[in-house]
Amino acid sequence: MPSTDDSTPPRQRVHIVDALRGLALVGMLLVHFQYYVHDDSIWSLRVNEGINLIAVNRFYPLFAVLFGVGFTLQFTRWGERPGFVKMYLRRLAGLIIIAILLGALTGYRVLESYAFWALPLLAVRRWSNRDLVILLLICAFSRPAAEFAVWRWERMHVPVEQSNANVRAESRASPNYHREADRLRDEGNFAQLALHRLRHNVGRFLDWRFYIPSDPFPLFILGMIAVRSRIFDEPLKHRRLLIALITYGLIALIGTVLAIKVLPDGSDLRLTRSFRYLMFAIFDERFQGLAYAGIIILATARAITLPAMIRILAAPGRLSLTNYVMQVAILETLFASSTPIISLNRWTALLGVIVVFAAQILFSRWWISRFRFGPLEWLWRSFTFARMEPLRRDAAARSARA
């Protein structure tokens, strides 16, 4: 008979959070594999449409929320200790070092945003949940507000043709960057490729739009609210909220499709873009990813023992940073070139997701049985505390007894 207790045992709670990290990892791997597919057959396009519908832009937000959960747990455990701010700043410095290396070597650059936007969490860590919710809503609508402001300014100062040219130039920036990166990779000029990526990443910090707190900052705040509200500790007390989240995730799935139909006619590209940002702030794919998390939390809330799938996902979730970096390193090494080591179609890409993630599950379970932290998690933790943390489980036990 299921337990009627609203509290979740501590180890089970930790496993649920780790399982959500594992879910985010496999979802992002599914999406990232599609970047390297060059197959325009009709069935390939159908599979891609399905993946777009269930996965694209659904899992990276969950990963960001869980980063916010991790930062909040650090505030809870260490926030009142002397020297906490220095320790936290070292933690962010360690993350930015990892992010710079990852960006230069692979082109993936999400961790840079994480490191930057984790900084203002220090300023709001003592805010009430009510104030955090207000801040979250302001952040969620900051991107459409900024775009509408630009549209308004351009309407007053430049003709619509010039405004449209500005939008087209902005839209070309990312494809031009990737085209040049592909050229340098295919030439084997990896030193120039790394510099090209670094220049692009630094350039993001010089663009005022980078400082619009639309992503990932509100997702960090959402993770902070979840921890403070004890959603992982007492999920049944938040059953209605979780059901509402799941329901809205389904509405967002429909809304993202319908939102395109209510956009302006496109003669003013800036206005069209502004409306698109507004529609996506209301009906965003991110809510669908959070709905997946809500389903897992509710499904395990009354379980006396965790389902096997949750335990399987929890293993790679414990090594989430290491496994994320391993994923992008494998993808860039094997599939990025125009003449890749392994050529992918849509079906071999799906098989690749299964093979890579299964290998990460086995590796993670083997590693966890011997070590306290993943390799990158250990380096990051040691940098945070400015000392070499015990890594092996037996070494940690001896240190505790000493």
Protein backbone atom coordinates (compact mmCIF):
# COMPACT_ATOMS: atom_id res chain seq x y z
CA MET A 1 0.00 0.00 0.00
CA PRO A 2 1.46 3.44 -0.89
CA SER A 3 2.63 5.66 1.91
CA THR A 4 0.31 8.52 2.85
CA ASP A 5 3.13 10.58 4.35
CA ASP A 6 3.63 13.86 2.49
CA SER A 7 7.36 13.95 3.16
CA THR A 8 9.91 12.34 0.89
CA PRO A 9 12.84 10.48 2.51
CA PRO A 10 16.10 12.44 2.12
CA ARG A 11 17.89 9.85 -0.05
CA GLN A 12 14.80 9.45 -2.24
CA ARG A 13 14.57 13.23 -2.60
CA VAL A 14 18.21 13.40 -3.70
CA HIS A 15 17.66 10.57 -6.18
CA ILE A 16 14.68 12.43 -7.68
CA VAL A 17 16.77 15.55 -8.26
CA ASP A 18 19.56 13.44 -9.76
CA ALA A 19 17.03 11.61 -11.93
CA LEU A 20 15.77 14.94 -13.27
CA ARG A 21 19.36 15.85 -14.11
CA GLY A 22 19.67 12.52 -15.91
CA LEU A 23 16.45 13.22 -17.82
CA ALA A 24 17.80 16.62 -18.88
CA LEU A 25 21.05 15.00 -20.01
CA VAL A 26 19.40 12.39 -22.23
CA GLY A 27 17.00 14.99 -23.64
CA MET A 28 19.81 17.38 -24.54
CA LEU A 29 21.81 14.49 -26.03
CA LEU A 30 18.84 13.63 -28.25
CA VAL A 31 18.68 17.23 -29.48
CA HIS A 32 22.43 17.68 -29.89
CA PHE A 33 22.75 14.51 -31.99
CA GLN A 34 20.36 16.02 -34.54
CA TYR A 35 22.80 18.88 -35.18
CA TYR A 36 25.15 16.45 -36.91
CA VAL A 37 22.64 14.70 -39.18
CA HIS A 38 22.80 15.38 -42.92
CA ASP A 39 19.81 13.52 -44.28
CA ASP A 40 16.92 15.18 -46.12
CA SER A 41 14.81 12.11 -46.82
CA ILE A 42 11.11 12.35 -46.06
CA TRP A 43 11.30 9.95 -43.12
CA SER A 44 14.27 11.80 -41.69
CA LEU A 45 12.30 15.04 -41.82
CA ARG A 46 9.34 13.39 -40.09
CA VAL A 47 11.55 12.07 -37.30
CA ASN A 48 13.11 15.50 -36.94
CA GLU A 49 9.66 17.09 -36.65
CA GLY A 50 8.81 14.65 -33.86
CA ILE A 51 12.02 15.44 -32.01
CA ASN A 52 11.34 19.15 -32.41
CA LEU A 53 7.90 18.60 -30.91
CA ILE A 54 9.00 16.66 -27.82
CA ALA A 55 12.61 17.65 -27.15
CA VAL A 56 14.01 20.82 -28.76
CA ASN A 57 14.12 23.66 -26.21
CA ARG A 58 12.46 21.36 -23.64
CA PHE A 59 15.43 19.94 -21.73
CA TYR A 60 18.04 22.69 -21.49
CA PRO A 61 15.60 24.77 -19.37
CA LEU A 62 15.22 21.81 -16.99
CA PHE A 63 19.02 21.61 -16.79
CA ALA A 64 19.11 25.34 -15.94
CA VAL A 65 16.41 24.98 -13.26
CA LEU A 66 18.42 22.18 -11.67
CA PHE A 67 21.53 24.37 -11.71
CA GLY A 68 19.43 26.90 -9.80
CA VAL A 69 18.48 24.12 -7.38
CA GLY A 70 22.17 23.34 -6.86
CA PHE A 71 23.08 26.98 -6.23
CA THR A 72 20.20 27.33 -3.76
CA LEU A 73 21.26 24.23 -1.85
CA GLN A 74 24.69 25.84 -1.50
CA PHE A 75 23.06 28.97 -0.07
CA THR A 76 21.13 26.76 2.37
CA ARG A 77 24.12 24.72 3.52
CA TRP A 78 26.89 27.29 3.52
CA GLY A 79 25.24 30.69 3.12
CA GLU A 80 25.76 31.84 6.70
CA ARG A 81 29.33 30.59 7.04
CA PRO A 82 32.11 33.18 7.23
CA GLY A 83 33.75 33.56 3.86
CA PHE A 84 30.80 32.16 1.95
CA VAL A 85 30.74 34.95 -0.64
CA LYS A 86 34.42 34.37 -1.51
CA MET A 87 33.77 30.65 -1.77
CA TYR A 88 30.77 31.22 -4.03
CA LEU A 89 32.71 33.59 -6.27
CA ARG A 90 35.49 30.99 -6.55
CA ARG A 91 32.82 28.47 -7.54
CA LEU A 92 31.60 30.73 -10.33
CA ALA A 93 35.18 31.43 -11.40
CA GLY A 94 35.78 27.68 -11.64
CA LEU A 95 32.65 27.30 -13.75
CA ILE A 96 33.66 30.10 -16.12
CA ILE A 97 37.08 28.44 -16.61
CA ILE A 98 35.36 25.18 -17.54
CA ALA A 99 32.97 27.13 -19.79
CA ILE A 100 35.77 28.96 -21.63
CA LEU A 101 37.65 25.72 -22.29
CA LEU A 102 34.49 23.95 -23.39
CA GLY A 103 33.51 26.84 -25.67
CA ALA A 104 36.95 26.99 -27.30
CA LEU A 105 37.23 23.24 -27.83
CA THR A 106 33.65 22.38 -28.82
CA GLY A 107 31.70 25.59 -29.49
CA TYR A 108 29.10 24.81 -26.81
CA ARG A 109 28.72 27.88 -24.64
CA VAL A 110 25.73 27.53 -22.30
CA LEU A 111 27.92 27.25 -19.17
CA GLU A 112 29.22 30.80 -19.66
CA SER A 113 25.68 32.13 -19.27
CA TYR A 114 25.22 29.92 -16.20
CA ALA A 115 28.36 31.29 -14.57
CA PHE A 116 27.39 34.90 -15.30
CA TRP A 117 23.73 34.71 -14.29
CA ALA A 118 24.47 32.78 -11.11
CA LEU A 119 26.19 35.93 -9.85
CA PRO A 120 23.02 38.04 -9.24
CA LEU A 121 21.57 35.11 -7.28
CA LEU A 122 23.80 36.36 -4.46
CA ALA A 123 21.85 39.61 -4.37
CA VAL A 124 18.42 37.94 -4.19
CA ARG A 125 19.20 34.92 -2.02
CA ARG A 126 17.43 36.46 1.00
CA TRP A 127 14.41 37.76 -0.90
CA SER A 128 11.00 36.37 -0.01
CA ASN A 129 9.35 33.89 -2.35
CA ARG A 130 6.75 36.53 -3.21
CA ASP A 131 9.45 38.95 -4.33
CA LEU A 132 11.18 36.20 -6.28
CA VAL A 133 7.97 35.37 -8.14
CA ILE A 134 7.57 39.04 -9.10
CA LEU A 135 11.20 39.14 -10.26
CA LEU A 136 10.69 35.92 -12.23
CA LEU A 137 7.72 37.42 -14.10
CA ILE A 138 9.64 40.61 -14.86
CA CYS A 139 12.54 38.57 -16.22
CA ALA A 140 10.26 36.31 -18.25
CA PHE A 141 8.84 39.29 -20.15
CA SER A 142 12.07 41.29 -20.34
CA ARG A 143 13.04 40.05 -23.82
CA PRO A 144 9.77 41.03 -25.58
CA ALA A 145 9.77 44.34 -23.66
CA ALA A 146 13.29 45.09 -24.89
CA GLU A 147 12.42 44.16 -28.48
CA PHE A 148 9.29 46.32 -28.42
CA ALA A 149 11.41 49.20 -27.10
CA VAL A 150 13.87 48.78 -29.98
CA TRP A 151 10.96 48.59 -32.44
CA ARG A 152 9.51 51.79 -31.01
CA TRP A 153 12.85 53.61 -31.23
CA GLU A 154 13.48 52.45 -34.80
CA ARG A 155 9.97 53.43 -35.84
CA MET A 156 10.67 56.97 -34.67
CA HIS A 157 14.16 57.29 -36.15
CA VAL A 158 14.64 55.00 -39.18
CA PRO A 159 12.42 53.83 -42.08
CA VAL A 160 11.00 50.34 -41.90
CA GLU A 161 13.32 49.17 -44.70
CA GLN A 162 16.36 50.03 -42.58
CA SER A 163 14.79 48.37 -39.54
CA ASN A 164 14.19 45.21 -41.57
CA ALA A 165 17.80 45.30 -42.78
CA ASN A 166 18.97 45.52 -39.16
CA VAL A 167 16.90 42.47 -38.22
CA ARG A 168 18.23 40.48 -41.20
CA ALA A 169 21.82 41.40 -40.25
CA GLU A 170 21.21 40.28 -36.67
CA SER A 171 19.69 37.02 -37.94
CA ARG A 172 22.72 36.34 -40.14
CA ALA A 173 25.24 36.71 -37.32
CA SER A 174 24.85 33.19 -35.94
CA PRO A 175 24.81 31.37 -39.33
CA ASN A 176 27.88 33.35 -40.42
CA TYR A 177 29.69 32.36 -37.22
CA HIS A 178 28.88 28.67 -37.70
CA ARG A 179 29.82 28.79 -41.39
CA GLU A 180 33.25 30.17 -40.56
CA ALA A 181 33.67 27.63 -37.74
CA ASP A 182 32.83 24.80 -40.14
CA ARG A 183 35.34 26.11 -42.68
CA LEU A 184 38.16 26.28 -40.12
CA ARG A 185 37.30 22.80 -38.80
CA ASP A 186 37.26 21.28 -42.27
CA GLU A 187 40.65 22.86 -43.01
CA GLY A 188 42.03 21.31 -39.82
CA ASN A 189 42.94 24.75 -38.50
CA PHE A 190 41.98 24.02 -34.90
CA ALA A 191 44.02 26.83 -33.33
CA GLN A 192 42.18 29.41 -35.44
CA LEU A 193 38.92 27.60 -34.78
CA ALA A 194 39.43 27.93 -31.02
CA LEU A 195 40.28 31.63 -31.38
CA HIS A 196 37.23 32.15 -33.60
CA ARG A 197 35.01 30.57 -30.96
CA LEU A 198 36.61 32.58 -28.15
CA ARG A 199 36.18 35.85 -30.05
CA HIS A 200 32.54 35.01 -30.66
CA ASN A 201 31.96 34.13 -27.02
CA VAL A 202 33.62 37.33 -25.82
CA GLY A 203 31.53 39.23 -28.34
CA ARG A 204 28.38 37.94 -26.67
CA PHE A 205 29.38 39.86 -23.54
CA LEU A 206 29.72 43.03 -25.64
CA ASP A 207 26.16 42.72 -26.97
CA TRP A 208 23.64 44.54 -24.76
CA ARG A 209 21.06 41.79 -25.38
CA PHE A 210 23.20 39.35 -23.37
CA TYR A 211 22.29 41.35 -20.26
CA ILE A 212 18.54 40.97 -20.70
CA PRO A 213 17.68 38.60 -17.82
CA SER A 214 15.42 36.35 -19.88
CA ASP A 215 17.50 33.17 -19.81
CA PRO A 216 18.81 31.39 -17.73
CA PHE A 217 18.30 33.74 -14.75
CA PRO A 218 14.52 33.22 -14.36
CA LEU A 219 15.09 29.46 -14.52
CA PHE A 220 17.62 29.75 -11.69
CA ILE A 221 15.02 31.70 -9.71
CA LEU A 222 12.46 28.98 -10.41
CA GLY A 223 14.90 26.40 -9.01
CA MET A 224 15.41 28.58 -5.94
CA ILE A 225 11.66 28.84 -5.34
CA ALA A 226 11.27 25.06 -5.78
CA VAL A 227 13.88 24.35 -3.09
CA ARG A 228 12.49 26.95 -0.68
CA SER A 229 8.94 25.68 -1.18
CA ARG A 230 10.13 22.13 -0.43
CA ILE A 231 8.64 20.76 -3.63
CA PHE A 232 11.23 17.96 -3.72
CA ASP A 233 10.82 17.28 0.03
CA GLU A 234 7.02 17.36 0.18
CA PRO A 235 5.73 16.85 -3.36
CA LEU A 236 2.25 15.70 -2.34
CA LYS A 237 1.63 19.00 -0.55
CA HIS A 238 2.26 20.66 -3.91
CA ARG A 239 0.24 18.19 -5.95
CA ARG A 240 -2.13 20.84 -7.33
CA LEU A 241 0.77 23.08 -8.32
CA LEU A 242 2.55 20.20 -10.06
CA ILE A 243 -0.63 19.17 -11.89
CA ALA A 244 -1.11 22.79 -12.97
CA LEU A 245 2.49 22.83 -14.24
CA ILE A 246 1.94 19.63 -16.20
CA THR A 247 -1.32 20.96 -17.65
CA TYR A 248 0.25 24.25 -18.66
CA GLY A 249 3.10 22.33 -20.29
CA LEU A 250 0.56 20.68 -22.57
CA ILE A 251 -1.11 24.03 -23.25
CA ALA A 252 2.30 25.50 -24.12
CA LEU A 253 2.81 22.70 -26.64
CA ILE A 254 -0.37 23.76 -28.44
CA GLY A 255 0.32 27.46 -27.89
CA THR A 256 3.73 27.42 -29.57
CA VAL A 257 2.07 26.09 -32.73
CA LEU A 258 -0.89 28.49 -32.64
CA ALA A 259 1.22 31.53 -31.66
CA ILE A 260 2.76 31.67 -35.14
CA LYS A 261 -0.68 32.20 -36.66
CA VAL A 262 -1.36 35.41 -34.72
CA LEU A 263 1.90 37.14 -35.61
CA PRO A 264 1.82 40.33 -37.73
CA ASP A 265 2.12 39.93 -41.48
CA GLY A 266 5.92 40.23 -41.48
CA SER A 267 6.25 43.52 -43.37
CA ASP A 268 7.84 44.97 -40.22
CA LEU A 269 10.35 42.31 -39.13
CA ARG A 270 11.18 43.97 -35.80
CA LEU A 271 7.52 44.08 -34.81
CA THR A 272 7.05 40.46 -35.89
CA ARG A 273 10.05 39.41 -33.82
CA SER A 274 8.75 41.36 -30.82
CA PHE A 275 5.39 39.60 -31.00
CA ARG A 276 7.13 36.24 -31.38
CA TYR A 277 9.10 36.84 -28.18
CA LEU A 278 5.90 37.87 -26.42
CA MET A 279 4.00 34.76 -27.57
CA PHE A 280 6.88 32.51 -26.56
CA ALA A 281 7.09 34.16 -23.16
CA ILE A 282 3.50 33.01 -22.61
CA PHE A 283 3.52 29.75 -24.58
CA ASP A 284 7.12 28.61 -24.29
CA GLU A 285 8.53 25.14 -24.97
CA ARG A 286 10.34 25.47 -21.65
CA PHE A 287 7.08 24.81 -19.81
CA GLN A 288 6.79 21.47 -21.57
CA GLY A 289 10.21 20.43 -20.24
CA LEU A 290 9.19 21.47 -16.74
CA ALA A 291 6.00 19.43 -17.18
CA TYR A 292 8.17 16.36 -17.75
CA ALA A 293 9.83 17.07 -14.40
CA GLY A 294 6.45 17.47 -12.72
CA ILE A 295 5.34 14.07 -14.03
CA ILE A 296 8.44 12.37 -12.59
CA ILE A 297 8.09 14.10 -9.22
CA LEU A 298 4.43 13.13 -8.89
CA ALA A 299 5.01 9.60 -10.19
CA THR A 300 7.58 8.94 -7.46
CA ALA A 301 5.91 10.90 -4.66
CA ARG A 302 4.04 7.94 -3.16
CA ALA A 303 6.48 5.23 -4.15
CA ILE A 304 7.91 3.26 -1.23
CA THR A 305 10.93 2.39 -3.35
CA LEU A 306 12.11 4.32 -6.34
CA PRO A 307 11.17 2.94 -9.78
CA ALA A 308 14.03 1.31 -11.69
CA MET A 309 13.96 4.03 -14.37
CA ILE A 310 14.47 6.72 -11.74
CA ARG A 311 17.46 4.88 -10.30
CA ILE A 312 18.91 4.45 -13.78
CA LEU A 313 18.57 8.15 -14.60
CA ALA A 314 19.93 9.18 -11.19
CA ALA A 315 23.37 7.63 -11.81
CA PRO A 316 24.40 9.88 -14.74
CA GLY A 317 22.54 12.74 -13.05
CA ARG A 318 24.98 12.64 -10.15
CA LEU A 319 27.78 13.32 -12.64
CA SER A 320 25.76 15.82 -14.66
CA LEU A 321 28.57 18.29 -15.42
CA THR A 322 31.04 15.55 -16.34
CA ASN A 323 28.50 13.73 -18.49
CA TYR A 324 27.41 16.92 -20.26
CA VAL A 325 31.00 17.77 -21.19
CA MET A 326 31.63 14.16 -22.26
CA GLN A 327 28.58 14.28 -24.53
CA VAL A 328 29.59 17.40 -26.42
CA ALA A 329 33.21 16.20 -26.64
CA ILE A 330 32.09 12.90 -28.22
CA LEU A 331 29.77 14.67 -30.65
CA GLU A 332 32.35 17.22 -31.76
CA THR A 333 35.12 14.62 -32.10
CA LEU A 334 33.17 12.01 -34.07
CA PHE A 335 30.59 13.92 -36.09
CA ALA A 336 31.44 17.63 -36.48
CA SER A 337 33.59 17.60 -39.62
CA SER A 338 32.20 17.70 -43.15
CA THR A 339 33.95 14.32 -43.48
CA PRO A 340 33.12 12.92 -40.02
CA ILE A 341 34.64 9.80 -38.51
CA ILE A 342 31.10 8.36 -38.39
CA SER A 343 28.43 9.58 -40.81
CA LEU A 344 24.97 10.03 -39.28
CA ASN A 345 21.51 9.70 -40.66
CA ARG A 346 18.45 10.18 -38.49
CA TRP A 347 18.26 6.52 -37.48
CA THR A 348 21.94 6.12 -36.60
CA ALA A 349 21.66 9.35 -34.61
CA LEU A 350 18.86 7.84 -32.52
CA LEU A 351 20.96 4.70 -32.07
CA GLY A 352 23.87 6.93 -31.06
CA VAL A 353 21.75 8.51 -28.31
CA ILE A 354 21.03 5.05 -26.88
CA VAL A 355 24.65 3.88 -27.11
CA VAL A 356 26.23 7.04 -25.65
CA PHE A 357 23.75 7.41 -22.80
CA ALA A 358 23.88 3.69 -21.96
CA ALA A 359 27.67 3.99 -21.77
CA GLN A 360 27.31 7.01 -19.49
CA ILE A 361 24.94 5.10 -17.21
CA LEU A 362 27.44 2.23 -16.89
CA PHE A 363 30.38 4.60 -16.41
CA SER A 364 28.50 6.67 -13.83
CA ARG A 365 27.46 3.64 -11.78
CA TRP A 366 31.02 2.29 -11.84
CA TRP A 367 32.47 5.68 -10.89
CA ILE A 368 29.99 6.36 -8.08
CA SER A 369 30.77 3.02 -6.47
CA ARG A 370 34.39 4.12 -6.05
CA PHE A 371 34.43 7.91 -5.88
CA ARG A 372 32.45 10.63 -4.09
CA PHE A 373 32.20 13.05 -7.02
CA GLY A 374 32.48 13.00 -10.78
CA PRO A 375 35.86 14.07 -12.23
CA LEU A 376 34.77 17.59 -13.18
CA GLU A 377 32.55 17.89 -10.11
CA TRP A 378 35.60 17.07 -7.97
CA LEU A 379 37.79 19.65 -9.73
CA TRP A 380 35.04 22.25 -9.41
CA ARG A 381 34.49 21.46 -5.72
CA SER A 382 38.24 21.56 -4.97
CA PHE A 383 38.50 24.94 -6.71
CA THR A 384 35.50 26.17 -4.71
CA PHE A 385 37.01 25.26 -1.34
CA ALA A 386 40.59 26.11 -2.40
CA ARG A 387 41.82 22.68 -1.29
CA MET A 388 42.07 19.19 -2.72
CA GLU A 389 38.89 17.44 -1.66
CA PRO A 390 39.04 13.69 -0.90
CA LEU A 391 37.90 11.86 -4.02
CA ARG A 392 37.97 8.16 -3.27
CA ARG A 393 35.33 6.92 -0.87
CA ASP A 394 37.82 5.05 1.33
CA ALA A 395 40.05 8.16 1.54
CA ALA A 396 37.08 10.26 2.61
CA ALA A 397 36.18 7.73 5.31
CA ARG A 398 39.74 7.77 6.68
CA SER A 399 39.74 11.59 6.64
CA ALA A 400 36.47 11.63 8.63
CA ARG A 401 37.87 9.25 11.25
CA ALA A 402 41.11 11.19 11.64
